Amino acid sequence: MTTTQVLIVGAGPTGLTLGCELARRDIDCLVVDKAPRLFPGSRGKGLQPRTLEVFDDLGVLDAVLAAGAPFPSFRMYQGTHVQWTRTLHDMLGIAPVERVHGVPYPDAWLLPQWRTDELLRDRLLELGGRIEMGTELVDFVQDDTGVTATLSRNGTLDRVHARYLVGADGGGSFVRKALGVGFEGETFETERTLIGDVRAEGLTGTYCHVLTTGDVQERFSLWSMPGTDYYQFVASMTADEVPELTVAAVQKILDERSGRSDIRLFDLNWISVYRVNVRMVDRFRVDRVFLAGDAAHVHSSAGGQGLNTSIQDAYNLGWKLAAVLSGVPDGLLDTYEDERFPIAAQVLDVTTHSHRRNFRAPEPGQGSPDIFQLKLNYRGGPLAVDMRENPGAVRAGDRAPDAQCAEGRLFDLFRGPHFTLLGFGADTASSVAEVVRGQGDRVRARVIEPGIATDATFAVGAAFRNYDIDPAGPGALVLVRPDGYIGVVATDPAPIQNYLIW
């Protein structure tokens, strides 16, 4: 029997992100997947700004930016006539995010999922992690010491003992079903989405080409995929309209919905029929087994939230697993469900609403969806401690904003597996020193004073502004968690020291 500290089932974005998180903390982990190779399609193609921040921390952002492209505009056709061209922000009815307000990567990024998976796999291997394709989990049992899993490799059974097991094995999760965890929600039984990757002749420009004969509800979309000659096609239909999964059948749908004959599809690389499910588990943890990503929640693809939410699950769970395996109390792992359960429910609401809108204009007074995932927070949760009588707009539990200070960029300071302590005001220096004394590499610190920023794109006192702290007021201590969320805001070191038992 072989051993590992964490067995991760599923080599998609969730499992690979979690593997990277653990490997960079020197936690031995094994990622297994029953498929013979990584997922070949472009399915989850949109990376949101918050996900780009995670990739910055994991050390894959440069490769992601080099391989992808900014989200293209939508171009609507009626036959061969271009009706309009609109940006993603136009489509959502929201203003662009401003980089100056603490968001270094304000634009959604387009990258085929197969490429995202490759980059995460390469980073996992670079960090010393292990991945085995063609390896299927067929059984597991757990006790007080860990989980004993039975794996099948080419029909040969092997047992692996792990301290913890994480099911990141998709919507049909074997792990979830074996645990008997409920998966509540609904299935849109009459709806189907045909999706795949194909090459095309007859289109020009880098857009999401939305082809119609005039009715936007009967459309055929072709997304330009960066770095390749392929387009991702998407066509919604009723269950009884699903054709054979051939390029000829897809071509027929395109011709009918566009009213055109000048676009030719060929070289079908991947195709799938997607049934919309809106479901989530009733538990994210059963003793030593956890569920993450699509194994825990499935959404409509509208709004591009599924892959991004899954990566956030892994990012939340990774540092907590590593901390417990390094000796902190096991109770920290309960906060994974406490924090991610309400987020999953909230994202299900956003995606379902976007799905039902179906390209219709937003209704007046309707709030803007937070598809960029920058406003999702853990306020009120067990790891959010704000000791101020009158907290400002940025509070414990919120995503920690970026800022350029005289001493450098905050996100550069955050990058890595540590906590970060920010002291706002020169009078916090002694408190900062008191907290970090004896913490070693576990906590990095910086005292920030109001002053002129070194980057002309940032205003004076950017950090104070982005954290909504009055530079003329009393000093404040802000502890940022390893996953980039604010854990504590206080005026004295005691709450920070108490928090760092985790």
Protein backbone atom coordinates (compact mmCIF):
# COMPACT_ATOMS: atom_id res chain seq x y z
CA MET A 1 0.00 0.00 0.00
CA THR A 2 1.32 3.42 -0.97
CA THR A 3 0.70 6.56 1.06
CA THR A 4 0.15 10.24 0.44
CA GLN A 5 -1.08 13.10 2.55
CA VAL A 6 -3.89 14.17 0.18
CA LEU A 7 -5.48 12.14 -2.61
CA ILE A 8 -7.23 14.38 -5.16
CA VAL A 9 -9.71 12.70 -7.50
CA GLY A 10 -10.13 14.62 -10.74
CA ALA A 11 -7.51 16.34 -12.91
CA GLY A 12 -9.62 19.28 -14.04
CA PRO A 13 -9.10 22.92 -13.03
CA THR A 14 -10.29 22.21 -9.46
CA GLY A 15 -8.06 19.25 -8.75
CA LEU A 16 -5.04 20.75 -10.48
CA THR A 17 -5.39 24.07 -8.64
CA LEU A 18 -5.66 22.24 -5.33
CA GLY A 19 -2.62 20.16 -6.23
CA CYS A 20 -0.59 23.30 -6.95
CA GLU A 21 -1.73 24.87 -3.66
CA LEU A 22 -0.60 21.84 -1.68
CA ALA A 23 2.60 21.13 -3.59
CA ARG A 24 3.93 24.65 -3.11
CA ARG A 25 3.45 24.14 0.63
CA ASP A 26 5.45 20.88 0.54
CA ILE A 27 2.36 18.76 1.14
CA ASP A 28 2.60 15.39 -0.59
CA CYS A 29 -0.42 14.96 -2.85
CA LEU A 30 -1.49 12.69 -5.68
CA VAL A 31 -3.95 13.75 -8.39
CA VAL A 32 -5.69 10.91 -10.22
CA ASP A 33 -8.16 10.88 -13.09
CA LYS A 34 -9.81 7.96 -14.86
CA ALA A 35 -9.51 9.68 -18.27
CA PRO A 36 -6.43 8.72 -20.30
CA ARG A 37 -5.54 12.37 -20.91
CA LEU A 38 -6.53 15.86 -19.83
CA PHE A 39 -9.89 17.19 -21.00
CA PRO A 40 -9.57 18.01 -24.74
CA GLY A 41 -12.23 20.71 -25.16
CA SER A 42 -12.51 24.47 -24.71
CA ARG A 43 -15.61 24.24 -22.49
CA GLY A 44 -14.82 26.53 -19.50
CA LYS A 45 -13.16 29.26 -21.55
CA GLY A 46 -13.72 32.43 -19.50
CA LEU A 47 -11.34 33.34 -16.67
CA GLN A 48 -12.66 36.05 -14.38
CA PRO A 49 -10.49 38.77 -12.79
CA ARG A 50 -10.49 37.07 -9.39
CA THR A 51 -9.27 33.84 -10.97
CA LEU A 52 -6.44 35.75 -12.64
CA GLU A 53 -5.41 36.94 -9.18
CA VAL A 54 -5.32 33.33 -7.98
CA PHE A 55 -3.18 32.40 -10.98
CA ASP A 56 -0.86 35.30 -10.15
CA ASP A 57 -0.35 33.82 -6.70
CA LEU A 58 0.16 30.30 -8.08
CA GLY A 59 2.80 31.43 -10.56
CA VAL A 60 0.93 30.65 -13.79
CA LEU A 61 -0.42 34.08 -14.68
CA ASP A 62 2.26 35.01 -17.22
CA ALA A 63 1.63 31.78 -19.12
CA VAL A 64 -2.15 32.31 -18.94
CA LEU A 65 -1.88 35.84 -20.30
CA ALA A 66 0.50 34.75 -23.05
CA ALA A 67 -1.77 31.91 -24.17
CA GLY A 68 -5.10 33.75 -23.96
CA ALA A 69 -6.65 37.07 -24.95
CA PRO A 70 -9.05 39.67 -23.57
CA PHE A 71 -12.69 38.66 -23.81
CA PRO A 72 -13.83 39.49 -27.34
CA SER A 73 -16.80 41.67 -28.21
CA PHE A 74 -20.08 40.12 -29.25
CA ARG A 75 -21.06 40.66 -32.89
CA MET A 76 -24.70 40.04 -33.76
CA TYR A 77 -25.65 39.18 -37.33
CA GLN A 78 -28.97 39.01 -39.13
CA GLY A 79 -27.99 36.93 -42.10
CA THR A 80 -24.82 38.57 -43.43
CA HIS A 81 -25.71 41.99 -41.99
CA VAL A 82 -23.97 43.06 -38.77
CA GLN A 83 -26.69 44.36 -36.46
CA TRP A 84 -24.41 45.47 -33.64
CA THR A 85 -21.09 44.91 -31.89
CA ARG A 86 -21.03 45.13 -28.09
CA THR A 87 -18.46 44.55 -25.38
CA LEU A 88 -18.98 42.15 -22.50
CA HIS A 89 -19.69 45.15 -20.28
CA ASP A 90 -22.32 46.40 -22.74
CA MET A 91 -23.97 42.99 -22.70
CA LEU A 92 -24.09 42.94 -18.90
CA GLY A 93 -25.03 46.59 -18.52
CA ILE A 94 -22.10 47.29 -16.19
CA ALA A 95 -19.18 49.71 -16.16
CA PRO A 96 -15.65 48.38 -16.73
CA VAL A 97 -13.65 47.64 -13.58
CA GLU A 98 -10.96 50.25 -12.92
CA ARG A 99 -7.45 49.01 -12.21
CA VAL A 100 -6.80 52.04 -10.03
CA HIS A 101 -9.27 50.72 -7.44
CA GLY A 102 -7.15 47.79 -6.37
CA VAL A 103 -7.90 45.39 -9.24
CA PRO A 104 -4.73 44.61 -11.20
CA TYR A 105 -6.46 42.41 -13.80
CA PRO A 106 -9.82 44.06 -14.48
CA ASP A 107 -10.69 42.22 -17.70
CA ALA A 108 -12.15 38.75 -18.15
CA TRP A 109 -9.70 36.58 -20.06
CA LEU A 110 -10.44 34.06 -22.80
CA LEU A 111 -8.53 30.79 -22.71
CA PRO A 112 -9.71 27.33 -23.80
CA GLN A 113 -10.14 25.03 -20.82
CA TRP A 114 -7.79 22.44 -22.29
CA ARG A 115 -5.02 25.03 -22.22
CA THR A 116 -5.82 26.13 -18.66
CA ASP A 117 -5.60 22.49 -17.60
CA GLU A 118 -2.25 22.05 -19.34
CA LEU A 119 -0.76 25.12 -17.66
CA LEU A 120 -1.95 24.02 -14.22
CA ARG A 121 -0.65 20.49 -14.80
CA ASP A 122 2.75 21.82 -15.84
CA ARG A 123 2.89 24.03 -12.76
CA LEU A 124 1.91 21.12 -10.52
CA LEU A 125 4.73 19.00 -11.90
CA GLU A 126 7.17 21.90 -11.61
CA LEU A 127 6.26 22.19 -7.92
CA GLY A 128 6.94 18.49 -7.39
CA GLY A 129 3.33 17.27 -7.39
CA ARG A 130 2.20 13.98 -8.91
CA ILE A 131 -0.55 13.23 -11.42
CA GLU A 132 -1.73 9.88 -12.76
CA MET A 133 -4.10 9.71 -15.73
CA GLY A 134 -5.94 6.49 -16.56
CA THR A 135 -6.31 5.86 -12.83
CA GLU A 136 -9.84 5.40 -11.49
CA LEU A 137 -11.05 5.56 -7.91
CA VAL A 138 -13.34 2.55 -7.45
CA ASP A 139 -13.77 2.45 -3.67
CA PHE A 140 -12.72 4.13 -0.45
CA VAL A 141 -13.22 3.78 3.28
CA GLN A 142 -12.22 6.15 6.04
CA ASP A 143 -11.40 6.00 9.72
CA ASP A 144 -9.81 8.22 12.35
CA THR A 145 -6.38 7.98 10.73
CA GLY A 146 -7.28 8.69 7.13
CA VAL A 147 -8.84 7.34 3.94
CA THR A 148 -7.91 4.07 2.23
CA ALA A 149 -8.71 4.31 -1.48
CA THR A 150 -8.79 1.54 -4.06
CA LEU A 151 -7.51 2.64 -7.45
CA SER A 152 -7.78 0.83 -10.76
CA ARG A 153 -4.93 1.18 -13.26
CA ASN A 154 -5.55 -0.77 -16.47
CA GLY A 155 -7.60 -3.25 -14.53
CA THR A 156 -5.01 -3.69 -11.79
CA LEU A 157 -6.18 -2.69 -8.31
CA ASP A 158 -3.95 -0.83 -5.88
CA ARG A 159 -4.63 0.69 -2.49
CA VAL A 160 -3.51 4.14 -1.40
CA HIS A 161 -3.75 5.50 2.13
CA ALA A 162 -4.20 9.28 2.45
CA ARG A 163 -4.79 11.54 5.41
CA TYR A 164 -7.52 13.30 3.39
CA LEU A 165 -9.35 12.72 0.11
CA VAL A 166 -10.86 15.45 -2.08
CA GLY A 167 -13.47 14.67 -4.71
CA ALA A 168 -12.97 17.08 -7.60
CA ASP A 169 -14.39 14.60 -10.07
CA GLY A 170 -17.10 16.63 -11.76
CA GLY A 171 -20.89 16.77 -11.79
CA GLY A 172 -21.25 12.99 -11.90
CA SER A 173 -18.84 12.66 -8.96
CA PHE A 174 -18.17 9.09 -7.82
CA VAL A 175 -16.91 10.48 -4.51
CA ARG A 176 -20.13 12.41 -3.84
CA LYS A 177 -22.32 9.43 -4.69
CA ALA A 178 -20.24 7.06 -2.57
CA LEU A 179 -20.58 9.43 0.39
CA GLY A 180 -24.35 9.57 -0.07
CA VAL A 181 -24.31 13.37 0.01
CA GLY A 182 -27.46 15.07 -1.26
CA PHE A 183 -27.31 17.03 -4.52
CA GLU A 184 -30.32 19.30 -4.37
CA GLY A 185 -31.65 21.50 -7.15
CA GLU A 186 -33.24 21.12 -10.54
CA THR A 187 -32.52 19.88 -14.03
CA PHE A 188 -33.85 21.81 -17.01
CA GLU A 189 -35.16 18.64 -18.60
CA THR A 190 -36.38 20.16 -21.86
CA GLU A 191 -33.23 22.18 -22.60
CA ARG A 192 -29.95 21.11 -24.12
CA THR A 193 -26.81 22.97 -25.22
CA LEU A 194 -24.66 21.68 -28.07
CA ILE A 195 -21.06 22.75 -27.63
CA GLY A 196 -17.79 21.85 -29.32
CA ASP A 197 -14.61 22.95 -31.03
CA VAL A 198 -14.42 23.27 -34.81
CA ARG A 199 -12.55 25.16 -37.49
CA ALA A 200 -14.49 27.51 -39.76
CA GLU A 201 -14.15 29.39 -43.03
CA GLY A 202 -16.16 32.49 -43.91
CA LEU A 203 -15.79 34.55 -40.74
CA THR A 204 -13.49 37.51 -40.15
CA GLY A 205 -12.47 39.26 -36.96
CA THR A 206 -12.00 38.10 -33.39
CA TYR A 207 -15.48 38.08 -31.86
CA CYS A 208 -18.16 35.99 -30.35
CA HIS A 209 -20.03 35.75 -33.64
CA VAL A 210 -23.76 35.46 -32.88
CA LEU A 211 -25.45 34.27 -36.06
CA THR A 212 -29.21 34.57 -36.55
CA THR A 213 -31.91 35.17 -39.13
CA GLY A 214 -33.27 37.87 -36.83
CA ASP A 215 -34.42 36.00 -33.71
CA VAL A 216 -31.72 36.08 -31.03
CA GLN A 217 -33.40 33.18 -29.22
CA GLU A 218 -32.64 31.00 -32.26
CA ARG A 219 -28.92 31.64 -32.61
CA PHE A 220 -25.67 29.87 -33.34
CA SER A 221 -22.57 31.30 -31.66
CA LEU A 222 -18.97 30.88 -32.76
CA TRP A 223 -16.32 32.09 -30.32
CA SER A 224 -12.83 32.81 -31.63
CA MET A 225 -10.40 30.78 -29.50
CA PRO A 226 -7.05 32.53 -28.89
CA GLY A 227 -3.86 30.81 -29.92
CA THR A 228 -5.65 28.29 -32.15
CA ASP A 229 -7.48 28.04 -35.48
CA TYR A 230 -10.57 26.77 -33.71
CA TYR A 231 -13.88 28.28 -32.69
CA GLN A 232 -16.06 27.12 -29.85
CA PHE A 233 -19.61 26.74 -31.12
CA VAL A 234 -22.63 26.97 -28.83
CA ALA A 235 -26.25 26.29 -29.77
CA SER A 236 -29.15 25.90 -27.35
CA MET A 237 -32.08 23.68 -28.30
CA THR A 238 -34.83 21.50 -26.93
CA ALA A 239 -34.12 17.94 -25.91
CA ASP A 240 -35.87 16.52 -28.97
CA GLU A 241 -33.83 18.71 -31.35
CA VAL A 242 -30.43 17.24 -30.44
CA PRO A 243 -28.80 16.01 -33.66
CA GLU A 244 -26.15 13.39 -34.31
CA LEU A 245 -22.80 14.54 -32.98
CA THR A 246 -21.19 15.07 -36.39
CA VAL A 247 -19.82 18.12 -38.16
CA ALA A 248 -22.47 17.69 -40.89
CA ALA A 249 -25.29 17.89 -38.35
CA VAL A 250 -23.73 20.96 -36.71
CA GLN A 251 -23.33 22.58 -40.13
CA LYS A 252 -27.03 22.04 -40.81
CA ILE A 253 -28.00 23.83 -37.59
CA LEU A 254 -25.67 26.72 -38.43
CA ASP A 255 -27.13 27.07 -41.93
CA GLU A 256 -30.70 27.06 -40.63
CA ARG A 257 -30.13 29.50 -37.79
CA SER A 258 -27.91 31.93 -39.70
CA GLY A 259 -29.73 31.87 -43.03
CA ARG A 260 -26.31 31.75 -44.65
CA SER A 261 -24.38 29.31 -46.79
CA ASP A 262 -20.98 31.03 -46.84
CA ILE A 263 -19.65 29.67 -43.54
CA ARG A 264 -18.13 26.18 -43.66
CA LEU A 265 -17.36 24.14 -40.57
CA PHE A 266 -14.73 21.41 -40.60
CA ASP A 267 -12.23 19.52 -38.43
CA LEU A 268 -14.53 18.84 -35.47
CA ASN A 269 -12.15 18.39 -32.52
CA TRP A 270 -14.59 17.92 -29.64
CA ILE A 271 -18.36 17.92 -29.21
CA SER A 272 -20.72 17.46 -26.29
CA VAL A 273 -24.38 17.82 -25.41
CA TYR A 274 -24.84 19.70 -22.15
CA ARG A 275 -27.94 19.37 -20.01
CA VAL A 276 -28.39 22.33 -17.68
CA ASN A 277 -28.34 21.34 -14.02
CA VAL A 278 -28.58 23.78 -11.13
CA ARG A 279 -27.61 21.76 -8.09
CA MET A 280 -25.42 21.82 -5.00
CA VAL A 281 -24.52 19.49 -2.20
CA ASP A 282 -25.93 19.68 1.31
CA ARG A 283 -22.43 19.13 2.75
CA PHE A 284 -18.95 19.95 1.54
CA ARG A 285 -17.24 17.70 4.09
CA VAL A 286 -17.81 14.21 5.46
CA ASP A 287 -15.09 13.61 8.05
CA ARG A 288 -11.84 13.25 6.05
CA VAL A 289 -13.42 13.55 2.60
CA PHE A 290 -14.17 16.87 0.88
CA LEU A 291 -16.07 17.86 -2.26
CA ALA A 292 -15.00 20.71 -4.51
CA GLY A 293 -15.86 22.21 -7.88
CA ASP A 294 -18.56 20.57 -10.02
CA ALA A 295 -18.65 17.65 -7.60
CA ALA A 296 -20.16 20.11 -5.10
CA HIS A 297 -22.14 22.48 -7.34
CA VAL A 298 -23.18 22.63 -10.99
CA HIS A 299 -24.48 25.67 -12.83
CA SER A 300 -25.71 26.98 -16.11
CA SER A 301 -22.76 28.09 -18.23
CA ALA A 302 -24.32 31.57 -18.51
CA GLY A 303 -22.04 34.17 -16.96
CA GLY A 304 -18.96 31.96 -17.04
CA GLN A 305 -18.97 31.11 -13.32
CA GLY A 306 -18.53 27.34 -13.06
CA LEU A 307 -14.81 26.90 -13.65
CA ASN A 308 -14.00 30.08 -11.72
CA THR A 309 -16.06 29.11 -8.68
CA SER A 310 -14.42 25.69 -8.73
CA ILE A 311 -10.94 27.20 -8.70
CA GLN A 312 -11.97 29.36 -5.74
CA ASP A 313 -13.09 26.23 -3.87
CA ALA A 314 -9.64 24.73 -4.31
CA TYR A 315 -7.94 27.99 -3.35
CA ASN A 316 -9.96 28.16 -0.14
CA LEU A 317 -9.43 24.52 0.80
CA GLY A 318 -5.74 24.24 -0.12
CA TRP A 319 -4.19 26.45 2.52
CA LYS A 320 -6.47 25.01 5.20
CA LEU A 321 -5.55 21.40 4.42
CA ALA A 322 -1.87 22.34 4.44
CA ALA A 323 -2.19 24.15 7.77
CA VAL A 324 -3.93 21.21 9.46
CA LEU A 325 -1.40 18.75 8.04
CA SER A 326 1.27 21.02 9.52
CA GLY A 327 -0.25 20.88 12.98
CA VAL A 328 -2.99 23.50 13.44
CA PRO A 329 -6.36 22.36 14.87
CA ASP A 330 -8.56 20.28 12.58
CA GLY A 331 -11.46 22.68 13.18
CA LEU A 332 -9.98 24.96 10.52
CA LEU A 333 -11.23 22.49 7.91
CA ASP A 334 -14.84 23.03 9.00
CA THR A 335 -14.56 26.61 7.78
CA TYR A 336 -14.26 25.37 4.19
CA GLU A 337 -17.94 24.46 4.15
CA ASP A 338 -18.88 27.48 6.28
CA GLU A 339 -17.36 29.81 3.70
CA ARG A 340 -17.96 28.07 0.37
CA PHE A 341 -21.53 26.85 0.94
CA PRO A 342 -23.12 30.34 0.79
CA ILE A 343 -20.86 31.33 -2.10
CA ALA A 344 -21.99 28.32 -4.13
CA ALA A 345 -25.64 29.17 -3.42
CA GLN A 346 -25.08 32.77 -4.45
CA VAL A 347 -23.35 31.79 -7.69
CA LEU A 348 -26.20 29.39 -8.54
CA ASP A 349 -28.59 32.33 -8.28
CA VAL A 350 -26.42 34.49 -10.57
CA THR A 351 -25.99 31.84 -13.24
CA THR A 352 -29.63 30.81 -13.24
CA HIS A 353 -30.73 34.43 -13.59
CA SER A 354 -28.27 34.97 -16.45
CA HIS A 355 -29.45 31.79 -18.13
CA ARG A 356 -33.09 32.86 -18.03
CA ARG A 357 -32.24 36.36 -19.29
CA ASN A 358 -30.90 34.68 -22.45
CA PHE A 359 -29.47 37.78 -24.17
CA ARG A 360 -32.41 40.00 -23.19
CA ALA A 361 -31.58 43.52 -21.96
CA PRO A 362 -31.41 43.95 -18.18
CA GLU A 363 -34.59 45.19 -16.59
CA PRO A 364 -34.49 48.77 -15.20
CA GLY A 365 -33.26 48.87 -11.62
CA GLN A 366 -31.93 45.35 -11.79
CA GLY A 367 -28.62 44.94 -9.95
CA SER A 368 -25.48 44.08 -11.87
CA PRO A 369 -24.27 40.48 -11.51
CA ASP A 370 -20.86 40.06 -9.90
CA ILE A 371 -19.56 37.77 -12.61
CA PHE A 372 -15.99 38.98 -12.01
CA GLN A 373 -16.15 37.46 -8.48
CA LEU A 374 -14.38 40.44 -6.93
CA LYS A 375 -17.20 41.19 -4.49
CA LEU A 376 -17.72 37.66 -3.21
CA ASN A 377 -16.79 37.68 0.46
CA TYR A 378 -16.75 35.73 3.71
CA ARG A 379 -18.14 38.50 5.93
CA GLY A 380 -19.75 37.19 9.07
CA GLY A 381 -17.97 33.86 8.74
CA PRO A 382 -15.85 32.11 11.35
CA LEU A 383 -12.58 33.50 9.93
CA ALA A 384 -13.67 37.13 9.57
CA VAL A 385 -12.80 39.25 12.62
CA ASP A 386 -13.34 43.01 12.46
CA MET A 387 -12.75 44.72 15.79
CA ARG A 388 -13.70 48.25 14.69
CA GLU A 389 -16.86 49.86 16.05
CA ASN A 390 -17.60 51.37 12.66
CA PRO A 391 -16.09 49.22 9.88
CA GLY A 392 -15.63 50.92 6.55
CA ALA A 393 -16.55 49.76 3.08
CA VAL A 394 -13.73 47.18 3.13
CA ARG A 395 -14.09 44.73 5.99
CA ALA A 396 -12.85 41.44 7.37
CA GLY A 397 -13.97 38.71 5.02
CA ASP A 398 -13.53 40.82 1.89
CA ARG A 399 -11.05 40.18 -0.89
CA ALA A 400 -7.86 42.10 -0.03
CA PRO A 401 -7.35 44.84 -2.67
CA ASP A 402 -4.12 45.53 -4.46
CA ALA A 403 -2.33 48.89 -4.23
CA GLN A 404 0.96 50.41 -5.27
CA CYS A 405 2.77 51.90 -2.29
CA ALA A 406 6.14 53.58 -1.96
CA GLU A 407 7.45 50.21 -0.74
CA GLY A 408 6.03 48.26 -3.72
CA ARG A 409 2.90 46.51 -4.91
CA LEU A 410 0.78 44.73 -2.31
CA PHE A 411 0.00 41.74 -4.52
CA ASP A 412 3.73 41.11 -4.85
CA LEU A 413 3.86 40.99 -1.07
CA PHE A 414 0.84 38.65 -0.85
CA ARG A 415 2.21 36.15 -3.38
CA GLY A 416 3.11 32.92 -1.61
CA PRO A 417 1.74 30.57 1.05
CA HIS A 418 2.04 32.99 3.99
CA PHE A 419 -0.20 35.37 5.93
CA THR A 420 0.46 39.07 5.35
CA LEU A 421 0.19 41.72 8.05
CA LEU A 422 -0.33 45.32 6.95
CA GLY A 423 0.17 48.14 9.40
CA PHE A 424 -1.56 51.31 8.23
CA GLY A 425 0.27 54.27 9.76
CA ALA A 426 3.74 54.68 11.22
CA ASP A 427 2.36 54.24 14.74
CA THR A 428 1.59 50.57 13.97
CA ALA A 429 5.26 49.61 13.59
CA SER A 430 5.70 48.29 17.13
CA SER A 431 2.45 46.28 16.96
CA VAL A 432 3.48 44.77 13.64
CA ALA A 433 6.86 43.79 15.08
CA GLU A 434 5.17 42.22 18.11
CA VAL A 435 2.92 40.05 15.96
CA VAL A 436 5.55 38.78 13.53
CA ARG A 437 8.12 38.09 16.23
CA GLY A 438 8.56 34.34 16.37
CA GLN A 439 6.33 33.66 13.34
CA GLY A 440 9.24 33.15 10.95
CA ASP A 441 8.23 32.87 7.30
CA ARG A 442 4.62 32.27 8.23
CA VAL A 443 3.82 36.01 8.31
CA ARG A 444 5.19 38.75 6.12
CA ALA A 445 4.61 42.34 7.13
CA ARG A 446 4.68 45.87 5.86
CA VAL A 447 4.03 49.20 7.53
CA ILE A 448 2.36 51.60 5.11
CA GLU A 449 2.51 55.34 5.46
CA PRO A 450 0.56 57.85 3.39
CA GLY A 451 2.71 59.20 0.60
CA ILE A 452 3.23 59.62 -3.09
CA ALA A 453 2.91 56.40 -5.06
CA THR A 454 5.75 55.36 -7.33
CA ASP A 455 3.38 54.38 -10.16
CA ALA A 456 1.66 57.29 -11.88
CA THR A 457 -1.46 55.18 -12.44
CA PHE A 458 -2.06 55.07 -8.67
CA ALA A 459 -3.16 58.04 -6.63
CA VAL A 460 -1.51 59.29 -3.45
CA GLY A 461 -2.36 57.03 -0.52
CA ALA A 462 -3.67 54.24 -2.76
CA ALA A 463 -3.52 51.56 -0.05
CA PHE A 464 -5.39 53.71 2.46
CA ARG A 465 -8.03 54.49 -0.13
CA ASN A 466 -8.40 50.93 -1.39
CA TYR A 467 -8.76 49.60 2.16
CA ASP A 468 -11.02 52.52 3.15
CA ILE A 469 -8.78 53.57 6.04
CA ASP A 470 -8.50 57.24 7.00
CA PRO A 471 -4.81 58.24 6.75
CA ALA A 472 -5.46 60.95 9.33
CA GLY A 473 -7.16 58.55 11.74
CA PRO A 474 -5.77 56.00 14.20
CA GLY A 475 -3.54 53.25 12.87
CA ALA A 476 -5.04 49.95 11.76
CA LEU A 477 -3.72 46.40 11.50
CA VAL A 478 -4.99 44.24 8.63
CA LEU A 479 -4.16 40.53 8.46
CA VAL A 480 -4.53 39.03 4.99
CA ARG A 481 -5.05 35.28 4.75
CA PRO A 482 -2.98 33.07 2.45
CA ASP A 483 -5.89 33.02 -0.03
CA GLY A 484 -5.99 36.79 -0.31
CA TYR A 485 -8.98 37.53 1.91
CA ILE A 486 -8.92 39.83 4.93
CA GLY A 487 -8.95 37.79 8.11
CA VAL A 488 -8.66 40.46 10.79
CA VAL A 489 -8.91 44.23 11.06
CA ALA A 490 -7.91 45.55 14.47
CA THR A 491 -6.21 48.43 16.24
CA ASP A 492 -4.10 46.31 18.60
CA PRO A 493 -2.14 43.08 18.06
CA ALA A 494 -4.09 40.75 20.38
CA PRO A 495 -6.84 39.70 17.90
CA ILE A 496 -4.21 39.08 15.25
CA GLN A 497 -2.16 36.90 17.58
CA ASN A 498 -5.24 34.92 18.58
CA TYR A 499 -6.17 34.42 14.93
CA LEU A 500 -2.75 33.06 14.04
CA ILE A 501 -3.36 29.87 15.98
CA TRP A 502 -4.61 28.77 12.56
